[in-house]
Amino acid sequence: MKNQKIEFRCTRFEKKLLKIKAKKAGLSLSEFCRKSANNKIIKERLTDEQIELYKMLVRYHNYFKSIGNLIKNKHPDLYKKVFTTAEEIKSHLKNFK
C-alpha cells in the first residue's frame, strides 16, 4: 500500500517534459517518477499509427514469403531476392518489440 509521499521541486519545463514522457509510456506522473527512480525500464506505448505500420509490415512479410514459395522452383534467383526482402522486413518487425 502506497501511503508515503515524496515531493521534489523542478522547473515548469521539467514538469511538462515529465508529463509528456509519462503519457507516452501510458503511466501516471507518479508511476513514471517511481519507475525512473528505481531504474526500471520504461517503454513507450505504440501509437495507433505505429500499430498500423506494424500490421502492414506483417502483411508484407507474409506476402513476400508466399510469393517466394510460389516461384521457388521456377526462378531460384528471384526467389532468393524475395526471400531476402522478407527477412529484411522481419528484422524491422523485431524493432517494434
PDB file of N, CA and C in Angstrom:
ATOM      1  N   MET A   1       0.848  -1.181   0.000  1.00  0.00           N
ATOM      2  CA  MET A   1       0.000   0.000   0.000  1.00  0.00           C
ATOM      3  C   MET A   1       0.891   1.241   0.000  1.00  0.00           C
ATOM      4  N   LYS A   2       0.603   2.106  -0.923  1.00  0.00           N
ATOM      5  CA  LYS A   2       1.430   3.305  -1.059  1.00  0.00           C
ATOM      6  C   LYS A   2       0.790   4.433  -0.260  1.00  0.00           C
ATOM      7  N   ASN A   3       1.380   4.702   0.900  1.00  0.00           N
ATOM      8  CA  ASN A   3       0.826   5.760   1.741  1.00  0.00           C
ATOM      9  C   ASN A   3       1.873   6.811   2.141  1.00  0.00           C
ATOM     10  N   GLN A   4       3.069   6.697   1.591  1.00  0.00           N
ATOM     11  CA  GLN A   4       4.120   7.667   1.873  1.00  0.00           C
ATOM     12  C   GLN A   4       4.216   8.645   0.701  1.00  0.00           C
ATOM     13  N   LYS A   5       4.467   9.886   1.021  1.00  0.00           N
ATOM     14  CA  LYS A   5       4.503  10.922  -0.003  1.00  0.00           C
ATOM     15  C   LYS A   5       5.896  11.531  -0.075  1.00  0.00           C
ATOM     16  N   ILE A   6       6.380  11.709  -1.307  1.00  0.00           N
ATOM     17  CA  ILE A   6       7.662  12.368  -1.549  1.00  0.00           C
ATOM     18  C   ILE A   6       7.395  13.529  -2.497  1.00  0.00           C
ATOM     19  N   GLU A   7       7.995  14.659  -2.195  1.00  0.00           N
ATOM     20  CA  GLU A   7       7.852  15.823  -3.059  1.00  0.00           C
ATOM     21  C   GLU A   7       9.222  16.279  -3.510  1.00  0.00           C
ATOM     22  N   PHE A   8       9.293  16.807  -4.724  1.00  0.00           N
ATOM     23  CA  PHE A   8      10.537  17.415  -5.191  1.00  0.00           C
ATOM     24  C   PHE A   8      10.209  18.590  -6.091  1.00  0.00           C
ATOM     25  N   ARG A   9      11.154  19.468  -6.189  1.00  0.00           N
ATOM     26  CA  ARG A   9      10.960  20.679  -6.984  1.00  0.00           C
ATOM     27  C   ARG A   9      11.611  20.514  -8.356  1.00  0.00           C
ATOM     28  N   CYS A  10      10.968  21.112  -9.343  1.00  0.00           N
ATOM     29  CA  CYS A  10      11.520  21.127 -10.690  1.00  0.00           C
ATOM     30  C   CYS A  10      11.004  22.370 -11.406  1.00  0.00           C
ATOM     31  N   THR A  11      11.581  22.650 -12.536  1.00  0.00           N
ATOM     32  CA  THR A  11      11.125  23.806 -13.299  1.00  0.00           C
ATOM     33  C   THR A  11       9.824  23.455 -14.021  1.00  0.00           C
ATOM     34  N   ARG A  12       9.156  24.464 -14.519  1.00  0.00           N
ATOM     35  CA  ARG A  12       7.914  24.247 -15.264  1.00  0.00           C
ATOM     36  C   ARG A  12       8.190  23.383 -16.502  1.00  0.00           C
ATOM     37  N   PHE A  13       9.306  23.664 -17.156  1.00  0.00           N
ATOM     38  CA  PHE A  13       9.686  22.886 -18.336  1.00  0.00           C
ATOM     39  C   PHE A  13       9.921  21.414 -17.983  1.00  0.00           C
ATOM     40  N   GLU A  14      10.642  21.162 -16.892  1.00  0.00           N
ATOM     41  CA  GLU A  14      10.908  19.779 -16.468  1.00  0.00           C
ATOM     42  C   GLU A  14       9.607  19.045 -16.156  1.00  0.00           C
ATOM     43  N   LYS A  15       8.674  19.741 -15.523  1.00  0.00           N
ATOM     44  CA  LYS A  15       7.395  19.118 -15.192  1.00  0.00           C
ATOM     45  C   LYS A  15       6.630  18.752 -16.456  1.00  0.00           C
ATOM     46  N   LYS A  16       6.612  19.656 -17.430  1.00  0.00           N
ATOM     47  CA  LYS A  16       5.928  19.360 -18.692  1.00  0.00           C
ATOM     48  C   LYS A  16       6.578  18.185 -19.399  1.00  0.00           C
ATOM     49  N   LEU A  17       7.897  18.173 -19.382  1.00  0.00           N
ATOM     50  CA  LEU A  17       8.636  17.083 -20.010  1.00  0.00           C
ATOM     51  C   LEU A  17       8.327  15.750 -19.331  1.00  0.00           C
ATOM     52  N   LEU A  18       8.291  15.735 -18.012  1.00  0.00           N
ATOM     53  CA  LEU A  18       7.955  14.512 -17.278  1.00  0.00           C
ATOM     54  C   LEU A  18       6.542  14.041 -17.610  1.00  0.00           C
ATOM     55  N   LYS A  19       5.605  14.978 -17.692  1.00  0.00           N
ATOM     56  CA  LYS A  19       4.223  14.624 -18.019  1.00  0.00           C
ATOM     57  C   LYS A  19       4.124  14.024 -19.423  1.00  0.00           C
ATOM     58  N   ILE A  20       4.847  14.625 -20.366  1.00  0.00           N
ATOM     59  CA  ILE A  20       4.819  14.115 -21.742  1.00  0.00           C
ATOM     60  C   ILE A  20       5.395  12.706 -21.805  1.00  0.00           C
ATOM     61  N   LYS A  21       6.523  12.502 -21.141  1.00  0.00           N
ATOM     62  CA  LYS A  21       7.145  11.175 -21.140  1.00  0.00           C
ATOM     63  C   LYS A  21       6.253  10.143 -20.458  1.00  0.00           C
ATOM     64  N   ALA A  22       5.603  10.546 -19.369  1.00  0.00           N
ATOM     65  CA  ALA A  22       4.701   9.635 -18.662  1.00  0.00           C
ATOM     66  C   ALA A  22       3.515   9.270 -19.551  1.00  0.00           C
ATOM     67  N   LYS A  23       2.986  10.252 -20.256  1.00  0.00           N
ATOM     68  CA  LYS A  23       1.848   9.994 -21.136  1.00  0.00           C
ATOM     69  C   LYS A  23       2.235   9.049 -22.268  1.00  0.00           C
ATOM     70  N   LYS A  24       3.433   9.249 -22.852  1.00  0.00           N
ATOM     71  CA  LYS A  24       3.903   8.368 -23.924  1.00  0.00           C
ATOM     72  C   LYS A  24       4.069   6.933 -23.436  1.00  0.00           C
ATOM     73  N   ALA A  25       4.441   6.790 -22.171  1.00  0.00           N
ATOM     74  CA  ALA A  25       4.631   5.460 -21.598  1.00  0.00           C
ATOM     75  C   ALA A  25       3.317   4.865 -21.086  1.00  0.00           C
ATOM     76  N   GLY A  26       2.253   5.661 -21.089  1.00  0.00           N
ATOM     77  CA  GLY A  26       0.970   5.171 -20.598  1.00  0.00           C
ATOM     78  C   GLY A  26       0.925   5.054 -19.084  1.00  0.00           C
ATOM     79  N   LEU A  27       1.690   5.901 -18.401  1.00  0.00           N
ATOM     80  CA  LEU A  27       1.768   5.863 -16.941  1.00  0.00           C
ATOM     81  C   LEU A  27       1.330   7.202 -16.365  1.00  0.00           C
ATOM     82  N   SER A  28       0.959   7.172 -15.091  1.00  0.00           N
ATOM     83  CA  SER A  28       0.705   8.434 -14.401  1.00  0.00           C
ATOM     84  C   SER A  28       2.057   9.068 -14.086  1.00  0.00           C
ATOM     85  N   LEU A  29       2.039  10.333 -13.750  1.00  0.00           N
ATOM     86  CA  LEU A  29       3.282  11.032 -13.444  1.00  0.00           C
ATOM     87  C   LEU A  29       3.997  10.379 -12.261  1.00  0.00           C
ATOM     88  N   SER A  30       3.249  10.016 -11.230  1.00  0.00           N
ATOM     89  CA  SER A  30       3.895   9.404 -10.058  1.00  0.00           C
ATOM     90  C   SER A  30       4.462   8.022 -10.394  1.00  0.00           C
ATOM     91  N   GLU A  31       3.733   7.222 -11.198  1.00  0.00           N
ATOM     92  CA  GLU A  31       4.255   5.913 -11.593  1.00  0.00           C
ATOM     93  C   GLU A  31       5.537   6.069 -12.410  1.00  0.00           C
ATOM     94  N   PHE A  32       5.525   7.045 -13.311  1.00  0.00           N
ATOM     95  CA  PHE A  32       6.696   7.289 -14.141  1.00  0.00           C
ATOM     96  C   PHE A  32       7.903   7.669 -13.283  1.00  0.00           C
ATOM     97  N   CYS A  33       7.703   8.570 -12.336  1.00  0.00           N
ATOM     98  CA  CYS A  33       8.800   9.002 -11.463  1.00  0.00           C
ATOM     99  C   CYS A  33       9.312   7.854 -10.591  1.00  0.00           C
ATOM    100  N   ARG A  34       8.395   7.031 -10.067  1.00  0.00           N
ATOM    101  CA  ARG A  34       8.809   5.887  -9.246  1.00  0.00           C
ATOM    102  C   ARG A  34       9.647   4.911 -10.059  1.00  0.00           C
ATOM    103  N   LYS A  35       9.183   4.588 -11.265  1.00  0.00           N
ATOM    104  CA  LYS A  35       9.931   3.644 -12.092  1.00  0.00           C
ATOM    105  C   LYS A  35      11.288   4.220 -12.481  1.00  0.00           C
ATOM    106  N   SER A  36      11.324   5.508 -12.790  1.00  0.00           N
ATOM    107  CA  SER A  36      12.596   6.147 -13.134  1.00  0.00           C
ATOM    108  C   SER A  36      13.558   6.097 -11.957  1.00  0.00           C
ATOM    109  N   ALA A  37      13.071   6.397 -10.786  1.00  0.00           N
ATOM    110  CA  ALA A  37      13.919   6.417  -9.590  1.00  0.00           C
ATOM    111  C   ALA A  37      14.436   5.021  -9.244  1.00  0.00           C
ATOM    112  N   ASN A  38      13.665   3.997  -9.574  1.00  0.00           N
ATOM    113  CA  ASN A  38      14.063   2.622  -9.270  1.00  0.00           C
ATOM    114  C   ASN A  38      14.794   1.951 -10.433  1.00  0.00           C
ATOM    115  N   ASN A  39      15.219   2.755 -11.432  1.00  0.00           N
ATOM    116  CA  ASN A  39      15.971   2.252 -12.587  1.00  0.00           C
ATOM    117  C   ASN A  39      15.253   1.135 -13.331  1.00  0.00           C
ATOM    118  N   LYS A  40      13.940   1.215 -13.388  1.00  0.00           N
ATOM    119  CA  LYS A  40      13.175   0.222 -14.137  1.00  0.00           C
ATOM    120  C   LYS A  40      13.048   0.681 -15.581  1.00  0.00           C
ATOM    121  N   ILE A  41      12.934  -0.267 -16.465  1.00  0.00           N
ATOM    122  CA  ILE A  41      12.820   0.040 -17.891  1.00  0.00           C
ATOM    123  C   ILE A  41      11.421   0.595 -18.170  1.00  0.00           C
ATOM    124  N   ILE A  42      11.394   1.740 -18.827  1.00  0.00           N
ATOM    125  CA  ILE A  42      10.126   2.383 -19.171  1.00  0.00           C
ATOM    126  C   ILE A  42      10.025   2.395 -20.689  1.00  0.00           C
ATOM    127  N   LYS A  43       9.045   1.691 -21.209  1.00  0.00           N
ATOM    128  CA  LYS A  43       8.859   1.625 -22.649  1.00  0.00           C
ATOM    129  C   LYS A  43       7.686   2.504 -23.052  1.00  0.00           C
ATOM    130  N   GLU A  44       7.874   3.184 -24.171  1.00  0.00           N
ATOM    131  CA  GLU A  44       6.787   3.995 -24.697  1.00  0.00           C
ATOM    132  C   GLU A  44       5.747   3.073 -25.320  1.00  0.00           C
ATOM    133  N   ARG A  45       4.490   3.466 -25.202  1.00  0.00           N
ATOM    134  CA  ARG A  45       3.405   2.731 -25.843  1.00  0.00           C
ATOM    135  C   ARG A  45       3.413   3.054 -27.327  1.00  0.00           C
ATOM    136  N   LEU A  46       3.015   2.096 -28.124  1.00  0.00           N
ATOM    137  CA  LEU A  46       2.925   2.347 -29.555  1.00  0.00           C
ATOM    138  C   LEU A  46       1.708   3.204 -29.857  1.00  0.00           C
ATOM    139  N   THR A  47       1.877   4.147 -30.767  1.00  0.00           N
ATOM    140  CA  THR A  47       0.745   4.967 -31.185  1.00  0.00           C
ATOM    141  C   THR A  47      -0.113   4.157 -32.153  1.00  0.00           C
ATOM    142  N   ASP A  48      -1.301   4.653 -32.442  1.00  0.00           N
ATOM    143  CA  ASP A  48      -2.174   3.965 -33.393  1.00  0.00           C
ATOM    144  C   ASP A  48      -1.511   3.853 -34.761  1.00  0.00           C
ATOM    145  N   GLU A  49      -0.788   4.905 -35.153  1.00  0.00           N
ATOM    146  CA  GLU A  49      -0.097   4.895 -36.439  1.00  0.00           C
ATOM    147  C   GLU A  49       0.992   3.821 -36.464  1.00  0.00           C
ATOM    148  N   GLN A  50       1.732   3.696 -35.367  1.00  0.00           N
ATOM    149  CA  GLN A  50       2.785   2.686 -35.303  1.00  0.00           C
ATOM    150  C   GLN A  50       2.200   1.280 -35.327  1.00  0.00           C
ATOM    151  N   ILE A  51       1.062   1.092 -34.692  1.00  0.00           N
ATOM    152  CA  ILE A  51       0.406  -0.219 -34.699  1.00  0.00           C
ATOM    153  C   ILE A  51      -0.028  -0.572 -36.119  1.00  0.00           C
ATOM    154  N   GLU A  52      -0.582   0.399 -36.846  1.00  0.00           N
ATOM    155  CA  GLU A  52      -0.985   0.167 -38.234  1.00  0.00           C
ATOM    156  C   GLU A  52       0.224  -0.178 -39.094  1.00  0.00           C
ATOM    157  N   LEU A  53       1.339   0.524 -38.891  1.00  0.00           N
ATOM    158  CA  LEU A  53       2.553   0.225 -39.645  1.00  0.00           C
ATOM    159  C   LEU A  53       3.058  -1.180 -39.338  1.00  0.00           C
ATOM    160  N   TYR A  54       2.977  -1.581 -38.090  1.00  0.00           N
ATOM    161  CA  TYR A  54       3.397  -2.928 -37.691  1.00  0.00           C
ATOM    162  C   TYR A  54       2.545  -3.971 -38.411  1.00  0.00           C
ATOM    163  N   LYS A  55       1.232  -3.764 -38.416  1.00  0.00           N
ATOM    164  CA  LYS A  55       0.331  -4.706 -39.089  1.00  0.00           C
ATOM    165  C   LYS A  55       0.619  -4.774 -40.584  1.00  0.00           C
ATOM    166  N   MET A  56       0.905  -3.610 -41.185  1.00  0.00           N
ATOM    167  CA  MET A  56       1.209  -3.562 -42.608  1.00  0.00           C
ATOM    168  C   MET A  56       2.491  -4.337 -42.911  1.00  0.00           C
ATOM    169  N   LEU A  57       3.522  -4.162 -42.067  1.00  0.00           N
ATOM    170  CA  LEU A  57       4.766  -4.895 -42.271  1.00  0.00           C
ATOM    171  C   LEU A  57       4.565  -6.404 -42.136  1.00  0.00           C
ATOM    172  N   VAL A  58       3.713  -6.816 -41.218  1.00  0.00           N
ATOM    173  CA  VAL A  58       3.419  -8.245 -41.057  1.00  0.00           C
ATOM    174  C   VAL A  58       2.773  -8.776 -42.337  1.00  0.00           C
ATOM    175  N   ARG A  59       1.816  -8.015 -42.887  1.00  0.00           N
ATOM    176  CA  ARG A  59       1.161  -8.445 -44.128  1.00  0.00           C
ATOM    177  C   ARG A  59       2.180  -8.545 -45.265  1.00  0.00           C
ATOM    178  N   TYR A  60       3.037  -7.530 -45.406  1.00  0.00           N
ATOM    179  CA  TYR A  60       4.043  -7.548 -46.461  1.00  0.00           C
ATOM    180  C   TYR A  60       4.988  -8.731 -46.305  1.00  0.00           C
ATOM    181  N   HIS A  61       5.393  -8.987 -45.084  1.00  0.00           N
ATOM    182  CA  HIS A  61       6.271 -10.131 -44.832  1.00  0.00           C
ATOM    183  C   HIS A  61       5.600 -11.419 -45.293  1.00  0.00           C
ATOM    184  N   ASN A  62       4.343 -11.587 -44.938  1.00  0.00           N
ATOM    185  CA  ASN A  62       3.612 -12.798 -45.337  1.00  0.00           C
ATOM    186  C   ASN A  62       3.451 -12.877 -46.853  1.00  0.00           C
ATOM    187  N   TYR A  63       3.179 -11.749 -47.500  1.00  0.00           N
ATOM    188  CA  TYR A  63       3.040 -11.735 -48.958  1.00  0.00           C
ATOM    189  C   TYR A  63       4.344 -12.130 -49.646  1.00  0.00           C
ATOM    190  N   PHE A  64       5.453 -11.568 -49.180  1.00  0.00           N
ATOM    191  CA  PHE A  64       6.731 -11.905 -49.790  1.00  0.00           C
ATOM    192  C   PHE A  64       7.085 -13.372 -49.586  1.00  0.00           C
ATOM    193  N   LYS A  65       6.778 -13.913 -48.440  1.00  0.00           N
ATOM    194  CA  LYS A  65       7.032 -15.337 -48.185  1.00  0.00           C
ATOM    195  C   LYS A  65       6.182 -16.196 -49.129  1.00  0.00           C
ATOM    196  N   SER A  66       4.917 -15.809 -49.304  1.00  0.00           N
ATOM    197  CA  SER A  66       4.029 -16.562 -50.205  1.00  0.00           C
ATOM    198  C   SER A  66       4.526 -16.495 -51.641  1.00  0.00           C
ATOM    199  N   ILE A  67       4.901 -15.306 -52.082  1.00  0.00           N
ATOM    200  CA  ILE A  67       5.425 -15.144 -53.441  1.00  0.00           C
ATOM    201  C   ILE A  67       6.690 -15.984 -53.620  1.00  0.00           C
ATOM    202  N   GLY A  68       7.546 -15.939 -52.627  1.00  0.00           N
ATOM    203  CA  GLY A  68       8.777 -16.727 -52.691  1.00  0.00           C
ATOM    204  C   GLY A  68       8.493 -18.214 -52.824  1.00  0.00           C
ATOM    205  N   ASN A  69       7.509 -18.703 -52.078  1.00  0.00           N
ATOM    206  CA  ASN A  69       7.167 -20.119 -52.157  1.00  0.00           C
ATOM    207  C   ASN A  69       6.586 -20.484 -53.521  1.00  0.00           C
ATOM    208  N   LEU A  70       5.877 -19.549 -54.151  1.00  0.00           N
ATOM    209  CA  LEU A  70       5.292 -19.819 -55.462  1.00  0.00           C
ATOM    210  C   LEU A  70       6.361 -19.918 -56.558  1.00  0.00           C
ATOM    211  N   ILE A  71       7.412 -19.130 -56.456  1.00  0.00           N
ATOM    212  CA  ILE A  71       8.419 -19.092 -57.521  1.00  0.00           C
ATOM    213  C   ILE A  71       9.697 -19.846 -57.158  1.00  0.00           C
ATOM    214  N   LYS A  72       9.675 -20.543 -56.083  1.00  0.00           N
ATOM    215  CA  LYS A  72      10.875 -21.207 -55.573  1.00  0.00           C
ATOM    216  C   LYS A  72      11.555 -22.097 -56.619  1.00  0.00           C
ATOM    217  N   ASN A  73      10.804 -22.947 -57.266  1.00  0.00           N
ATOM    218  CA  ASN A  73      11.387 -23.909 -58.215  1.00  0.00           C
ATOM    219  C   ASN A  73      11.585 -23.325 -59.607  1.00  0.00           C
ATOM    220  N   LYS A  74      10.745 -22.389 -60.014  1.00  0.00           N
ATOM    221  CA  LYS A  74      10.810 -21.863 -61.380  1.00  0.00           C
ATOM    222  C   LYS A  74      11.877 -20.781 -61.546  1.00  0.00           C
ATOM    223  N   HIS A  75      12.059 -19.946 -60.529  1.00  0.00           N
ATOM    224  CA  HIS A  75      13.001 -18.830 -60.604  1.00  0.00           C
ATOM    225  C   HIS A  75      13.831 -18.751 -59.312  1.00  0.00           C
ATOM    226  N   PRO A  76      14.856 -19.572 -59.193  1.00  0.00           N
ATOM    227  CA  PRO A  76      15.646 -19.607 -57.942  1.00  0.00           C
ATOM    228  C   PRO A  76      16.325 -18.278 -57.586  1.00  0.00           C
ATOM    229  N   ASP A  77      16.787 -17.537 -58.614  1.00  0.00           N
ATOM    230  CA  ASP A  77      17.457 -16.262 -58.322  1.00  0.00           C
ATOM    231  C   ASP A  77      16.465 -15.246 -57.765  1.00  0.00           C
ATOM    232  N   LEU A  78      15.318 -15.168 -58.399  1.00  0.00           N
ATOM    233  CA  LEU A  78      14.284 -14.239 -57.933  1.00  0.00           C
ATOM    234  C   LEU A  78      13.785 -14.654 -56.551  1.00  0.00           C
ATOM    235  N   TYR A  79      13.703 -15.964 -56.327  1.00  0.00           N
ATOM    236  CA  TYR A  79      13.273 -16.473 -55.015  1.00  0.00           C
ATOM    237  C   TYR A  79      14.210 -15.979 -53.921  1.00  0.00           C
ATOM    238  N   LYS A  80      15.503 -16.005 -54.177  1.00  0.00           N
ATOM    239  CA  LYS A  80      16.474 -15.557 -53.173  1.00  0.00           C
ATOM    240  C   LYS A  80      16.283 -14.078 -52.836  1.00  0.00           C
ATOM    241  N   LYS A  81      16.019 -13.264 -53.874  1.00  0.00           N
ATOM    242  CA  LYS A  81      15.801 -11.833 -53.644  1.00  0.00           C
ATOM    243  C   LYS A  81      14.521 -11.590 -52.856  1.00  0.00           C
ATOM    244  N   VAL A  82      13.474 -12.321 -53.206  1.00  0.00           N
ATOM    245  CA  VAL A  82      12.200 -12.164 -52.496  1.00  0.00           C
ATOM    246  C   VAL A  82      12.342 -12.627 -51.055  1.00  0.00           C
ATOM    247  N   PHE A  83      13.032 -13.735 -50.855  1.00  0.00           N
ATOM    248  CA  PHE A  83      13.237 -14.256 -49.506  1.00  0.00           C
ATOM    249  C   PHE A  83      14.080 -13.285 -48.677  1.00  0.00           C
ATOM    250  N   THR A  84      15.099 -12.679 -49.291  1.00  0.00           N
ATOM    251  CA  THR A  84      15.930 -11.689 -48.595  1.00  0.00           C
ATOM    252  C   THR A  84      15.092 -10.484 -48.177  1.00  0.00           C
ATOM    253  N   THR A  85      14.206 -10.048 -49.062  1.00  0.00           N
ATOM    254  CA  THR A  85      13.324  -8.922 -48.739  1.00  0.00           C
ATOM    255  C   THR A  85      12.421  -9.273 -47.565  1.00  0.00           C
ATOM    256  N   ALA A  86      11.884 -10.480 -47.564  1.00  0.00           N
ATOM    257  CA  ALA A  86      11.024 -10.923 -46.460  1.00  0.00           C
ATOM    258  C   ALA A  86      11.802 -10.945 -45.144  1.00  0.00           C
ATOM    259  N   GLU A  87      13.045 -11.362 -45.191  1.00  0.00           N
ATOM    260  CA  GLU A  87      13.863 -11.397 -43.977  1.00  0.00           C
ATOM    261  C   GLU A  87      14.192  -9.993 -43.478  1.00  0.00           C
ATOM    262  N   GLU A  88      14.395  -9.058 -44.410  1.00  0.00           N
ATOM    263  CA  GLU A  88      14.640  -7.666 -44.011  1.00  0.00           C
ATOM    264  C   GLU A  88      13.410  -7.084 -43.320  1.00  0.00           C
ATOM    265  N   ILE A  89      12.252  -7.379 -43.853  1.00  0.00           N
ATOM    266  CA  ILE A  89      11.006  -6.908 -43.228  1.00  0.00           C
ATOM    267  C   ILE A  89      10.880  -7.511 -41.836  1.00  0.00           C
ATOM    268  N   LYS A  90      11.221  -8.781 -41.713  1.00  0.00           N
ATOM    269  CA  LYS A  90      11.138  -9.450 -40.405  1.00  0.00           C
ATOM    270  C   LYS A  90      12.081  -8.801 -39.394  1.00  0.00           C
ATOM    271  N   SER A  91      13.263  -8.397 -39.845  1.00  0.00           N
ATOM    272  CA  SER A  91      14.195  -7.743 -38.922  1.00  0.00           C
ATOM    273  C   SER A  91      13.647  -6.390 -38.467  1.00  0.00           C
ATOM    274  N   HIS A  92      12.943  -5.674 -39.350  1.00  0.00           N
ATOM    275  CA  HIS A  92      12.331  -4.406 -38.960  1.00  0.00           C
ATOM    276  C   HIS A  92      11.180  -4.639 -37.980  1.00  0.00           C
ATOM    277  N   LEU A  93      10.485  -5.745 -38.136  1.00  0.00           N
ATOM    278  CA  LEU A  93       9.400  -6.071 -37.207  1.00  0.00           C
ATOM    279  C   LEU A  93       9.939  -6.294 -35.793  1.00  0.00           C
ATOM    280  N   LYS A  94      11.129  -6.822 -35.681  1.00  0.00           N
ATOM    281  CA  LYS A  94      11.740  -7.063 -34.372  1.00  0.00           C
ATOM    282  C   LYS A  94      12.028  -5.743 -33.651  1.00  0.00           C
ATOM    283  N   ASN A  95      12.227  -4.662 -34.414  1.00  0.00           N
ATOM    284  CA  ASN A  95      12.482  -3.350 -33.805  1.00  0.00           C
ATOM    285  C   ASN A  95      11.260  -2.829 -33.056  1.00  0.00           C
ATOM    286  N   PHE A  96      10.065  -3.263 -33.444  1.00  0.00           N
ATOM    287  CA  PHE A  96       8.859  -2.828 -32.773  1.00  0.00           C
ATOM    288  C   PHE A  96       8.755  -3.411 -31.365  1.00  0.00           C
ATOM    289  N   LYS A  97       9.383  -4.543 -31.152  1.00  0.00           N
ATOM    290  CA  LYS A  97       9.304  -5.168 -29.829  1.00  0.00           C
ATOM    291  C   LYS A  97      10.294  -4.511 -28.954  1.00  0.00           C
TER     292      LYS A  97
END
